[in-house]
N, C-alpha and C. Protein backbone atom coordinates (compact mmCIF):
# COMPACT_ATOMS: atom_id res chain seq x y z
N UNK A 1 1.47 12.99 -22.46
CA UNK A 1 2.48 12.90 -21.10
C UNK A 1 1.60 12.56 -20.00
N UNK A 2 0.54 13.10 -19.74
CA UNK A 2 -0.47 12.85 -18.68
C UNK A 2 -1.19 11.60 -18.90
N UNK A 3 -1.25 10.77 -20.40
CA UNK A 3 -1.49 9.30 -20.14
C UNK A 3 -0.39 8.46 -19.34
N UNK A 4 0.84 8.73 -19.33
CA UNK A 4 1.94 7.92 -18.50
C UNK A 4 1.43 8.20 -16.86
N UNK A 5 1.12 9.37 -16.75
CA UNK A 5 0.67 9.45 -15.10
C UNK A 5 -0.37 8.83 -14.99
N UNK A 6 -1.35 8.65 -15.78
CA UNK A 6 -2.71 7.94 -15.40
C UNK A 6 -2.18 6.51 -15.29
N UNK A 7 -1.24 6.04 -16.01
CA UNK A 7 -1.02 4.52 -15.84
C UNK A 7 -0.38 4.23 -14.62
N UNK A 8 0.89 5.40 -14.45
CA UNK A 8 1.62 5.01 -13.22
C UNK A 8 0.37 5.30 -11.81
N UNK A 9 -0.63 5.94 -11.94
CA UNK A 9 -1.39 6.22 -10.77
C UNK A 9 -2.39 4.98 -10.80
N UNK A 10 -2.59 4.23 -11.93
CA UNK A 10 -3.41 3.19 -11.91
C UNK A 10 -2.52 1.89 -11.12
N UNK A 11 -1.19 1.87 -11.62
CA UNK A 11 -0.02 0.74 -10.77
C UNK A 11 0.02 1.11 -9.60
N UNK A 12 -0.25 2.42 -9.30
CA UNK A 12 0.00 2.54 -7.37
C UNK A 12 -1.45 2.31 -6.68
N UNK A 13 -2.44 2.52 -7.33
CA UNK A 13 -3.36 1.76 -6.97
C UNK A 13 -3.83 0.15 -6.70
N UNK A 14 -3.16 -0.36 -7.59
CA UNK A 14 -3.37 -1.73 -8.04
C UNK A 14 -2.17 -2.20 -6.91
N UNK A 15 -0.91 -1.37 -6.93
CA UNK A 15 -0.30 -2.01 -5.80
C UNK A 15 -0.65 -1.94 -4.52
N UNK A 16 -1.33 -0.85 -4.09
CA UNK A 16 -2.14 -0.26 -2.71
C UNK A 16 -2.98 -1.84 -2.64
N UNK A 17 -3.57 -1.68 -3.54
CA UNK A 17 -4.79 -3.07 -3.37
C UNK A 17 -4.06 -4.47 -3.07
N UNK A 18 -3.08 -5.00 -3.99
CA UNK A 18 -2.76 -5.97 -4.02
C UNK A 18 -1.70 -6.43 -2.48
N UNK A 19 -1.10 -5.08 -2.40
CA UNK A 19 -0.23 -5.41 -1.09
C UNK A 19 -1.29 -5.19 0.43
N UNK A 20 -2.71 -4.38 0.26
CA UNK A 20 -3.45 -4.85 1.46
C UNK A 20 -4.05 -6.25 1.11
N UNK A 21 -4.19 -6.61 0.26
CA UNK A 21 -5.02 -8.33 -0.16
C UNK A 21 -3.67 -8.90 0.67
N UNK A 22 -2.42 -8.98 0.32
CA UNK A 22 -1.54 -9.83 0.78
C UNK A 22 -1.40 -9.69 2.47
N UNK A 23 -1.38 -8.33 3.04
CA UNK A 23 -1.12 -8.59 4.32
C UNK A 23 -2.55 -8.93 5.11
N UNK A 24 -3.50 -8.51 4.39
CA UNK A 24 -4.96 -9.10 5.07
C UNK A 24 -4.77 -10.61 5.32
N UNK A 25 -4.31 -11.17 4.35
CA UNK A 25 -4.23 -12.62 4.32
C UNK A 25 -3.05 -13.40 5.16
N UNK A 26 -2.65 -12.29 5.85
CA UNK A 26 -1.21 -12.75 6.62
C UNK A 26 0.21 -12.87 6.11
N UNK A 27 0.29 -12.22 4.87
CA UNK A 27 1.75 -12.15 4.50
C UNK A 27 2.18 -10.93 5.24
N UNK A 28 3.52 -10.58 4.49
CA UNK A 28 4.35 -9.62 5.34
C UNK A 28 5.05 -8.69 4.33
N UNK A 29 5.28 -7.58 4.65
CA UNK A 29 5.74 -6.49 4.06
C UNK A 29 7.11 -6.72 3.65
N UNK A 30 8.21 -6.75 2.55
CA UNK A 30 9.30 -6.95 2.30
C UNK A 30 10.07 -5.72 2.73
N UNK A 31 9.68 -4.69 2.40
CA UNK A 31 10.38 -3.28 2.65
C UNK A 31 10.23 -2.81 4.07
N UNK A 32 11.65 -3.10 4.84
CA UNK A 32 11.90 -3.09 6.12
C UNK A 32 11.13 -1.64 6.76
N UNK A 33 11.18 -0.36 5.99
CA UNK A 33 10.87 0.88 6.19
C UNK A 33 9.62 0.50 6.30
N UNK A 34 8.59 0.23 5.43
CA UNK A 34 7.18 0.41 5.44
C UNK A 34 6.79 -0.69 6.50
N UNK A 35 7.24 -1.77 6.41
CA UNK A 35 6.96 -2.87 7.77
C UNK A 35 7.07 -2.17 8.90
N UNK A 36 8.26 -1.37 9.12
CA UNK A 36 7.76 -0.72 10.61
C UNK A 36 6.60 0.19 10.69
N UNK A 37 6.60 0.92 9.91
CA UNK A 37 5.37 2.02 9.49
C UNK A 37 4.12 1.33 9.74
N UNK A 38 4.09 0.29 9.34
CA UNK A 38 2.85 -0.50 9.03
C UNK A 38 2.42 -1.30 10.54
N UNK A 39 3.57 -1.76 11.15
CA UNK A 39 3.38 -2.07 12.40
C UNK A 39 2.88 -0.75 13.47
N UNK A 40 3.60 0.34 13.43
CA UNK A 40 2.90 1.27 14.22
C UNK A 40 1.62 1.79 13.75
N UNK A 41 1.23 2.06 12.54
CA UNK A 41 0.33 3.00 12.24
C UNK A 41 -0.91 2.05 11.48
N UNK A 42 -0.66 1.01 11.11
CA UNK A 42 -1.47 0.07 10.45
C UNK A 42 -1.11 0.24 9.12
N UNK A 43 -1.43 -0.88 8.04
CA UNK A 43 -0.99 -0.92 6.74
C UNK A 43 -1.94 0.32 5.89
N UNK A 44 -2.96 0.14 6.13
CA UNK A 44 -3.83 0.98 5.11
C UNK A 44 -3.60 2.29 5.17
N UNK A 45 -3.48 2.87 6.61
CA UNK A 45 -3.32 4.41 6.57
C UNK A 45 -1.85 4.68 5.94
N UNK A 46 -0.81 4.03 6.24
CA UNK A 46 0.50 4.20 5.75
C UNK A 46 0.41 4.16 4.13
N UNK A 47 -0.14 3.22 3.39
CA UNK A 47 -0.09 2.81 1.87
C UNK A 47 -0.92 4.10 1.58
N UNK A 48 -2.13 4.58 2.31
CA UNK A 48 -2.89 5.47 1.44
C UNK A 48 -1.99 6.86 1.43
N UNK A 49 -1.34 7.22 2.71
CA UNK A 49 -0.50 8.57 2.70
C UNK A 49 0.76 8.03 1.76
N UNK A 50 1.35 7.04 1.52
CA UNK A 50 2.86 7.16 0.96
C UNK A 50 2.47 7.18 -0.53
N UNK A 51 1.39 6.20 -1.14
CA UNK A 51 0.82 6.43 -2.08
C UNK A 51 0.52 8.01 -2.93
N UNK A 52 -0.17 8.57 -2.00
CA UNK A 52 -0.45 9.83 -2.16
C UNK A 52 0.80 10.83 -2.30
N UNK A 53 2.03 10.79 -1.38
CA UNK A 53 2.73 11.31 -1.35
C UNK A 53 3.70 10.89 -3.00
N UNK A 54 3.79 9.65 -3.12
CA UNK A 54 4.49 9.40 -4.32
C UNK A 54 3.95 10.04 -5.60
N UNK A 55 2.56 10.07 -5.57
CA UNK A 55 1.59 10.51 -6.88
C UNK A 55 1.72 12.09 -6.93
N UNK A 56 2.16 12.85 -5.73
CA UNK A 56 2.22 13.98 -5.93
C UNK A 56 3.54 14.56 -6.33
N UNK A 57 4.30 13.58 -5.68
CA UNK A 57 6.06 14.15 -6.17
C UNK A 57 6.14 13.48 -7.70
N UNK A 58 5.62 12.54 -8.29
CA UNK A 58 6.06 11.98 -9.38
C UNK A 58 5.40 13.09 -10.17
N UNK A 59 4.31 13.97 -9.91
CA UNK A 59 3.22 14.56 -10.81
C UNK A 59 3.89 15.84 -11.06
N UNK A 60 4.90 16.59 -9.91
CA UNK A 60 5.14 17.92 -9.70
C UNK A 60 6.86 17.58 -10.26
N UNK A 61 7.56 16.52 -10.37
CA UNK A 61 8.99 16.49 -10.53
C UNK A 61 9.51 15.27 -11.27
N UNK A 62 8.90 14.36 -11.87
CA UNK A 62 9.03 13.32 -12.81
C UNK A 62 8.12 13.24 -14.02
N UNK A 63 7.14 13.67 -14.00
CA UNK A 63 6.51 13.92 -15.18
C UNK A 63 6.93 14.50 -16.45
N UNK A 64 7.59 15.13 -16.36
CA UNK A 64 8.22 15.64 -17.83
C UNK A 64 9.15 14.78 -18.54
N UNK A 65 9.83 14.05 -17.74
CA UNK A 65 10.82 13.13 -18.06
C UNK A 65 10.19 11.61 -18.57
N UNK A 66 10.10 11.70 -20.02
CA UNK A 66 9.31 10.60 -20.48
C UNK A 66 10.03 9.14 -19.74
N UNK A 67 11.43 9.03 -19.83
CA UNK A 67 12.17 7.80 -19.66
C UNK A 67 12.34 7.56 -18.29
N UNK A 68 12.02 8.32 -17.50
CA UNK A 68 11.97 8.02 -15.86
C UNK A 68 10.25 7.34 -15.76
N UNK A 69 9.57 8.11 -16.29
CA UNK A 69 8.26 7.37 -16.14
C UNK A 69 7.99 6.38 -16.78
N UNK A 70 8.66 5.67 -18.16
CA UNK A 70 8.63 4.51 -18.44
C UNK A 70 8.93 3.34 -17.58
N UNK A 71 10.30 3.80 -16.92
CA UNK A 71 11.10 3.06 -16.05
C UNK A 71 10.18 3.02 -14.47
N UNK A 72 9.28 3.76 -14.15
CA UNK A 72 8.65 3.52 -13.15
C UNK A 72 7.76 2.68 -13.48
N UNK A 73 6.81 3.02 -14.69
CA UNK A 73 5.88 2.08 -14.91
C UNK A 73 6.24 0.83 -14.86
N UNK A 74 7.26 0.31 -15.68
CA UNK A 74 7.77 -0.92 -15.60
C UNK A 74 8.18 -1.52 -14.29
N UNK A 75 8.81 -0.85 -13.42
CA UNK A 75 8.83 -1.20 -12.08
C UNK A 75 7.77 -1.88 -11.59
N UNK A 76 6.99 -0.69 -11.85
CA UNK A 76 5.46 -1.07 -10.85
C UNK A 76 4.77 -2.06 -11.26
N UNK A 77 4.95 -2.46 -12.47
CA UNK A 77 4.38 -3.59 -13.28
C UNK A 77 4.74 -4.60 -12.75
N UNK A 78 5.99 -4.75 -12.65
CA UNK A 78 6.57 -5.84 -12.10
C UNK A 78 6.17 -6.04 -10.32
N UNK A 79 6.12 -5.18 -9.66
CA UNK A 79 5.49 -5.45 -8.52
C UNK A 79 3.79 -5.71 -8.26
N UNK A 80 3.60 -5.11 -9.34
CA UNK A 80 2.08 -5.61 -9.16
C UNK A 80 1.77 -7.10 -9.37
N UNK A 81 2.40 -7.43 -10.65
CA UNK A 81 2.38 -8.82 -11.31
C UNK A 81 2.66 -9.67 -10.05
N UNK A 82 4.03 -9.19 -9.63
CA UNK A 82 4.63 -10.11 -8.45
C UNK A 82 3.42 -10.50 -7.22
N UNK A 83 3.06 -9.21 -6.83
CA UNK A 83 2.05 -9.17 -5.89
C UNK A 83 0.83 -10.30 -6.18
N UNK A 84 0.47 -9.96 -7.65
CA UNK A 84 -0.94 -10.62 -7.83
C UNK A 84 -0.62 -12.13 -7.72
N UNK A 85 0.74 -12.85 -8.00
CA UNK A 85 0.70 -13.72 -8.14
C UNK A 85 1.08 -14.34 -6.71
N UNK A 86 1.14 -13.82 -5.77
CA UNK A 86 1.32 -14.05 -4.16
C UNK A 86 0.19 -14.12 -4.13
N UNK A 87 -0.82 -13.37 -4.19
CA UNK A 87 -2.37 -13.49 -4.07
C UNK A 87 -2.82 -14.70 -4.13
N UNK A 88 -2.60 -15.22 -5.65
CA UNK A 88 -3.12 -16.59 -6.43
C UNK A 88 -2.57 -17.50 -5.81
N UNK A 89 -1.60 -17.59 -4.83
CA UNK A 89 -0.66 -18.72 -4.48
C UNK A 89 -1.98 -19.45 -3.53
């Protein structure tokens, strides 16, 4: 079970890195709530706080549920691949 969490955590780091890279290259955040927070506080501090909160919540509330972990891993895999393709453009 902890292996799924490690994969999920790695995907969170990859999402943070790819999002930071895209925004640093002049891209924009598609999530309107995060976009407003980025404008107010900067994207890196918001990403660190948000991803940290997600990791804590998933560890304490979602980790026991294999199916949910697989769904989250699938979702963030798609997000990271999408972000990476945007960087490569």
